[in-house]
C-alpha atoms as a PDB file:
ATOM      1  CA  MET A   1      52.487  16.658  23.463  1.00  0.00           C
ATOM      2  CA  LYS A   2      50.114  15.973  26.366  1.00  0.00           C
ATOM      3  CA  SER A   3      47.478  18.248  24.834  1.00  0.00           C
ATOM      4  CA  ILE A   4      47.545  16.212  21.586  1.00  0.00           C
ATOM      5  CA  HIS A   5      46.958  12.980  23.550  1.00  0.00           C
ATOM      6  CA  VAL A   6      44.068  14.568  25.498  1.00  0.00           C
ATOM      7  CA  ALA A   7      42.517  15.907  22.274  1.00  0.00           C
ATOM      8  CA  LEU A   8      42.873  12.470  20.603  1.00  0.00           C
ATOM      9  CA  ILE A   9      41.285  10.678  23.563  1.00  0.00           C
ATOM     10  CA  LEU A  10      38.377  13.168  23.639  1.00  0.00           C
ATOM     11  CA  ALA A  11      37.844  12.764  19.890  1.00  0.00           C
ATOM     12  CA  ILE A  12      37.712   8.971  20.226  1.00  0.00           C
ATOM     13  CA  LEU A  13      35.221   9.220  23.090  1.00  0.00           C
ATOM     14  CA  PHE A  14      32.850  11.606  21.289  1.00  0.00           C
ATOM     15  CA  VAL A  15      32.839   9.993  17.828  1.00  0.00           C
ATOM     16  CA  PRO A  16      30.603   7.030  18.836  1.00  0.00           C
ATOM     17  CA  VAL A  17      28.127   9.396  20.509  1.00  0.00           C
ATOM     18  CA  GLY A  18      27.805  11.452  17.331  1.00  0.00           C
ATOM     19  CA  CYS A  19      27.309   8.351  15.177  1.00  0.00           C
ATOM     20  CA  GLY A  20      24.478   7.108  17.379  1.00  0.00           C
ATOM     21  CA  ALA A  21      22.288   9.965  16.161  1.00  0.00           C
ATOM     22  CA  ASN A  22      22.369   8.584  12.602  1.00  0.00           C
ATOM     23  CA  THR A  23      20.893   5.163  13.370  1.00  0.00           C
ATOM     24  CA  PRO A  24      19.377   3.858  10.128  1.00  0.00           C
ATOM     25  CA  ASP A  25      15.627   3.349   9.858  1.00  0.00           C
ATOM     26  CA  PRO A  26      15.056  -0.423  10.196  1.00  0.00           C
ATOM     27  CA  TYR A  27      12.260  -0.110   7.607  1.00  0.00           C
ATOM     28  CA  GLY A  28      14.163   1.986   5.100  1.00  0.00           C
ATOM     29  CA  GLY A  29      14.682   0.971   1.516  1.00  0.00           C
ATOM     30  CA  GLU A  30      12.083  -0.413  -0.828  1.00  0.00           C
ATOM     31  CA  PRO A  31       8.710  -1.432   0.626  1.00  0.00           C
ATOM     32  CA  SER A  32       7.834  -5.112   0.821  1.00  0.00           C
ATOM     33  CA  LEU A  33       4.522  -4.457  -0.944  1.00  0.00           C
ATOM     34  CA  ALA A  34       2.825  -1.527  -2.675  1.00  0.00           C
ATOM     35  CA  GLY A  35      -0.855  -1.742  -3.511  1.00  0.00           C
ATOM     36  CA  TYR A  36      -4.450  -0.926  -2.703  1.00  0.00           C
ATOM     37  CA  VAL A  37      -6.263  -1.817   0.511  1.00  0.00           C
ATOM     38  CA  MET A  38      -8.983  -4.070  -0.879  1.00  0.00           C
ATOM     39  CA  ASP A  39     -10.465  -5.301   2.417  1.00  0.00           C
ATOM     40  CA  ALA A  40     -10.234  -4.584   6.134  1.00  0.00           C
ATOM     41  CA  ARG A  41     -11.520  -6.931   8.816  1.00  0.00           C
ATOM     42  CA  ASP A  42     -10.445  -8.938  11.844  1.00  0.00           C
ATOM     43  CA  ASP A  43      -7.725  -6.385  12.715  1.00  0.00           C
ATOM     44  CA  ARG A  44      -5.944  -6.805   9.396  1.00  0.00           C
ATOM     45  CA  ILE A  45      -6.064  -5.445   5.868  1.00  0.00           C
ATOM     46  CA  LEU A  46      -5.764  -7.113   2.479  1.00  0.00           C
ATOM     47  CA  VAL A  47      -3.310  -5.275   0.235  1.00  0.00           C
ATOM     48  CA  VAL A  48      -3.147  -6.212  -3.453  1.00  0.00           C
ATOM     49  CA  GLU A  49      -0.692  -4.699  -5.897  1.00  0.00           C
ATOM     50  CA  ALA A  50      -2.067  -2.783  -8.857  1.00  0.00           C
ATOM     51  CA  ILE A  51      -1.566  -4.467 -12.208  1.00  0.00           C
ATOM     52  CA  PRO A  52      -1.259  -2.968 -15.680  1.00  0.00           C
ATOM     53  CA  GLU A  53      -4.260  -2.767 -18.004  1.00  0.00           C
ATOM     54  CA  ASP A  54      -2.523  -5.148 -20.421  1.00  0.00           C
ATOM     55  CA  PHE A  55      -1.963  -7.783 -17.692  1.00  0.00           C
ATOM     56  CA  PRO A  56      -1.928 -11.161 -19.465  1.00  0.00           C
ATOM     57  CA  GLY A  57      -3.930 -12.878 -16.722  1.00  0.00           C
ATOM     58  CA  GLU A  58      -1.190 -15.323 -15.874  1.00  0.00           C
ATOM     59  CA  GLY A  59       1.541 -15.158 -13.314  1.00  0.00           C
ATOM     60  CA  GLY A  60       1.356 -13.971  -9.760  1.00  0.00           C
ATOM     61  CA  VAL A  61      -0.146 -10.835  -8.345  1.00  0.00           C
ATOM     62  CA  ASN A  62       1.373  -9.810  -5.029  1.00  0.00           C
ATOM     63  CA  ALA A  63      -1.203  -9.808  -2.255  1.00  0.00           C
ATOM     64  CA  ALA A  64      -0.961  -9.968   1.533  1.00  0.00           C
ATOM     65  CA  TYR A  65      -3.030  -9.896   4.676  1.00  0.00           C
ATOM     66  CA  VAL A  66      -1.252  -7.378   6.895  1.00  0.00           C
ATOM     67  CA  SER A  67      -1.778  -7.074  10.648  1.00  0.00           C
ATOM     68  CA  ASP A  68      -0.685  -4.393  13.130  1.00  0.00           C
ATOM     69  CA  VAL A  69      -1.674  -1.515  10.867  1.00  0.00           C
ATOM     70  CA  PRO A  70      -2.816   1.895  12.116  1.00  0.00           C
ATOM     71  CA  SER A  71      -6.574   2.142  12.635  1.00  0.00           C
ATOM     72  CA  SER A  72      -6.639   5.123  10.256  1.00  0.00           C
ATOM     73  CA  ILE A  73      -5.941   2.875   7.223  1.00  0.00           C
ATOM     74  CA  GLU A  74      -9.081   2.487   5.079  1.00  0.00           C
ATOM     75  CA  VAL A  75     -10.293   0.356   2.208  1.00  0.00           C
ATOM     76  CA  GLY A  76      -9.507   2.027  -1.121  1.00  0.00           C
ATOM     77  CA  GLN A  77      -6.286   3.714  -0.029  1.00  0.00           C
ATOM     78  CA  ARG A  78      -3.029   3.056  -1.838  1.00  0.00           C
ATOM     79  CA  VAL A  79      -0.337   2.022   0.661  1.00  0.00           C
ATOM     80  CA  LEU A  80       3.291   1.035   0.983  1.00  0.00           C
ATOM     81  CA  ILE A  81       4.007  -1.802   3.430  1.00  0.00           C
ATOM     82  CA  TRP A  82       7.251  -2.844   5.103  1.00  0.00           C
ATOM     83  CA  PHE A  83       6.914  -6.172   6.932  1.00  0.00           C
ATOM     84  CA  ASP A  84       8.257  -6.729  10.434  1.00  0.00           C
ATOM     85  CA  GLY A  85       9.406 -10.265  11.109  1.00  0.00           C
ATOM     86  CA  PRO A  86       8.561 -13.451   9.268  1.00  0.00           C
ATOM     87  CA  VAL A  87       5.923 -13.591   6.537  1.00  0.00           C
ATOM     88  CA  ALA A  88       3.722 -16.667   6.064  1.00  0.00           C
ATOM     89  CA  GLU A  89       4.119 -17.701   2.453  1.00  0.00           C
ATOM     90  CA  SER A  90       0.517 -18.716   1.892  1.00  0.00           C
ATOM     91  CA  TYR A  91      -1.430 -16.958  -0.831  1.00  0.00           C
ATOM     92  CA  PRO A  92      -2.159 -14.227  -0.065  1.00  0.00           C
ATOM     93  CA  LEU A  93       0.924 -13.754   2.126  1.00  0.00           C
ATOM     94  CA  GLN A  94       0.383 -12.997   5.821  1.00  0.00           C
ATOM     95  CA  GLY A  95       2.609 -10.700   7.825  1.00  0.00           C
ATOM     96  CA  LYS A  96       2.880  -8.024  10.469  1.00  0.00           C
ATOM     97  CA  ALA A  97       3.417  -4.418   9.402  1.00  0.00           C
ATOM     98  CA  GLY A  98       6.550  -2.703  10.602  1.00  0.00           C
ATOM     99  CA  ARG A  99       5.784   0.471   8.695  1.00  0.00           C
ATOM    100  CA  VAL A 100       2.786   1.627   6.638  1.00  0.00           C
ATOM    101  CA  GLU A 101       2.631   4.719   4.452  1.00  0.00           C
ATOM    102  CA  VAL A 102      -0.497   5.970   2.713  1.00  0.00           C
ATOM    103  CA  VAL A 103       0.200   7.211  -0.812  1.00  0.00           C
ATOM    104  CA  PRO A 104      -1.652  10.511  -1.144  1.00  0.00           C
ATOM    105  CA  THR A 105      -4.267  10.700  -3.892  1.00  0.00           C
ATOM    106  CA  GLU A 106      -5.574  13.881  -5.396  1.00  0.00           C
ATOM    107  CA  THR A 107      -9.053  14.580  -6.633  1.00  0.00           C
ATOM    108  CA  PRO A 108      -8.862  14.927 -10.430  1.00  0.00           C
ATOM    109  CA  GLU A 109      -9.869  18.254 -11.945  1.00  0.00           C
ATOM    110  CA  GLY A 110     -13.654  18.373 -12.258  1.00  0.00           C
ATOM    111  CA  ALA A 111     -14.217  15.460  -9.848  1.00  0.00           C
ATOM    112  CA  HIS A 112     -15.868  15.611  -6.444  1.00  0.00           C
ATOM    113  CA  ARG A 113     -14.176  12.496  -5.049  1.00  0.00           C
ATOM    114  CA  SER A 114     -10.698  11.031  -4.947  1.00  0.00           C
ATOM    115  CA  GLU A 115      -9.619   7.710  -6.420  1.00  0.00           C
ATOM    116  CA  ALA A 116      -9.498   6.220  -2.885  1.00  0.00           C
ATOM    117  CA  GLU A 117     -13.056   7.331  -2.105  1.00  0.00           C
ATOM    118  CA  VAL A 118     -14.409   5.894  -5.350  1.00  0.00           C
ATOM    119  CA  LEU A 119     -12.633   2.569  -4.861  1.00  0.00           C
ATOM    120  CA  GLN A 120     -13.874   2.378  -1.270  1.00  0.00           C
ATOM    121  CA  ASP A 121     -17.448   3.054  -2.411  1.00  0.00           C
ATOM    122  CA  LEU A 122     -17.211   0.337  -5.075  1.00  0.00           C
ATOM    123  CA  LEU A 123     -15.681  -2.269  -2.770  1.00  0.00           C
ATOM    124  CA  THR A 124     -18.293  -1.666  -0.055  1.00  0.00           C
ATOM    125  CA  SER A 125     -21.291  -1.344  -2.425  1.00  0.00           C
ATOM    126  CA  GLY A 126     -22.043  -5.055  -2.703  1.00  0.00           C
ATOM    127  CA  GLU A 127     -21.227  -5.057  -6.445  1.00  0.00           C
ATOM    128  CA  VAL A 128     -17.887  -6.767  -5.807  1.00  0.00           C
ATOM    129  CA  ASP A 129     -17.718 -10.242  -4.252  1.00  0.00           C
ATOM    130  CA  PRO A 130     -16.314  -9.691  -0.731  1.00  0.00           C
ATOM    131  CA  ASN A 131     -14.777 -13.176  -0.818  1.00  0.00           C
ATOM    132  CA  GLY A 132     -13.059 -12.598  -4.145  1.00  0.00           C
ATOM    133  CA  LEU A 133      -9.482 -11.491  -4.632  1.00  0.00           C
ATOM    134  CA  MET A 134      -9.371  -8.404  -6.830  1.00  0.00           C
ATOM    135  CA  ALA A 135      -6.509  -6.305  -8.170  1.00  0.00           C
ATOM    136  CA  VAL A 136      -6.946  -2.777  -9.495  1.00  0.00           C
ATOM    137  CA  GLN A 137      -6.153  -2.501 -13.203  1.00  0.00           C
ATOM    138  CA  SER A 138      -7.303   1.075 -13.690  1.00  0.00           C
ATOM    139  CA  ILE A 139      -9.295   3.868 -12.103  1.00  0.00           C
ATOM    140  CA  VAL A 140      -9.988   6.721 -14.510  1.00  0.00           C
ATOM    141  CA  PHE A 141     -12.162   9.798 -14.161  1.00  0.00           C
ATOM    142  CA  ASP A 142     -13.997  10.979 -17.291  1.00  0.00           C
ATOM    143  CA  ALA A 143     -14.602  14.671 -16.576  1.00  0.00           C
ATOM    144  CA  GLU A 144     -16.822  15.130 -19.636  1.00  0.00           C
ATOM    145  CA  ALA A 145     -19.226  12.403 -18.510  1.00  0.00           C
ATOM    146  CA  SER A 146     -18.642  13.032 -14.771  1.00  0.00           C
ATOM    147  CA  LEU A 147     -18.056   9.297 -14.497  1.00  0.00           C
ATOM    148  CA  TRP A 148     -15.450   7.025 -12.918  1.00  0.00           C
ATOM    149  CA  ARG A 149     -14.400   3.933 -14.862  1.00  0.00           C
ATOM    150  CA  ILE A 150     -12.849   1.186 -12.753  1.00  0.00           C
ATOM    151  CA  GLU A 151     -11.337  -2.086 -13.929  1.00  0.00           C
ATOM    152  CA  LEU A 152     -10.655  -4.820 -11.394  1.00  0.00           C
ATOM    153  CA  PHE A 153      -8.926  -8.080 -12.214  1.00  0.00           C
ATOM    154  CA  ASP A 154     -10.505 -11.086 -10.481  1.00  0.00           C
ATOM    155  CA  ILE A 155      -7.442 -13.125  -9.577  1.00  0.00           C
ATOM    156  CA  TRP A 156      -9.347 -16.361  -8.850  1.00  0.00           C
ATOM    157  CA  GLU A 157     -11.412 -16.229 -12.046  1.00  0.00           C
ATOM    158  CA  GLY A 158      -8.726 -14.701 -14.289  1.00  0.00           C
ATOM    159  CA  GLU A 159     -11.016 -12.074 -15.781  1.00  0.00           C
ATOM    160  CA  THR A 160     -11.328  -8.295 -15.836  1.00  0.00           C
ATOM    161  CA  LEU A 161     -14.472  -6.739 -14.382  1.00  0.00           C
ATOM    162  CA  HIS A 162     -15.638  -3.300 -15.577  1.00  0.00           C
ATOM    163  CA  PHE A 163     -17.506  -0.811 -13.395  1.00  0.00           C
ATOM    164  CA  GLU A 164     -18.797   2.719 -13.862  1.00  0.00           C
ATOM    165  CA  MET A 165     -19.690   5.036 -11.003  1.00  0.00           C
ATOM    166  CA  GLU A 166     -21.172   8.499 -11.079  1.00  0.00           C
ATOM    167  CA  ASP A 167     -19.098  11.212  -9.467  1.00  0.00           C
ATOM    168  CA  ARG A 168     -21.465  12.313  -6.711  1.00  0.00           C
END
């Protein structure tokens, strides 16, 4: 009978220790925001969600200035953001990153550059207003023409802008 009590006491003592190893990730679950890095300056990035090609031009597009991001994050990358702490509800939102994941992009067959590289080149080329607020509608590689076709939606103006870039 004593051995049962000792075994029960030991089991109770070791159960909490075993459970501590399975502490949930505080940033698990769905990300707060998924989108493209459209700008990076002043130790923060601007992330704007992608919108469908048939976007009606009305309604909100999720966008946020995100601070405390890894220095390896670059303009043009597609990212998932989990906020840490309160988020200022201005537009765009403003918040501190708790977790950032880069969504890997592949180089399409026949292309020399990835979607992220092409978007970065466009956004830093001077062809896009750096003070504007743009959302990606589409980025498509035309292998036959060796050409990238990019559509950005200008959120402030409510219009779609069309760009073509050679795949070099």
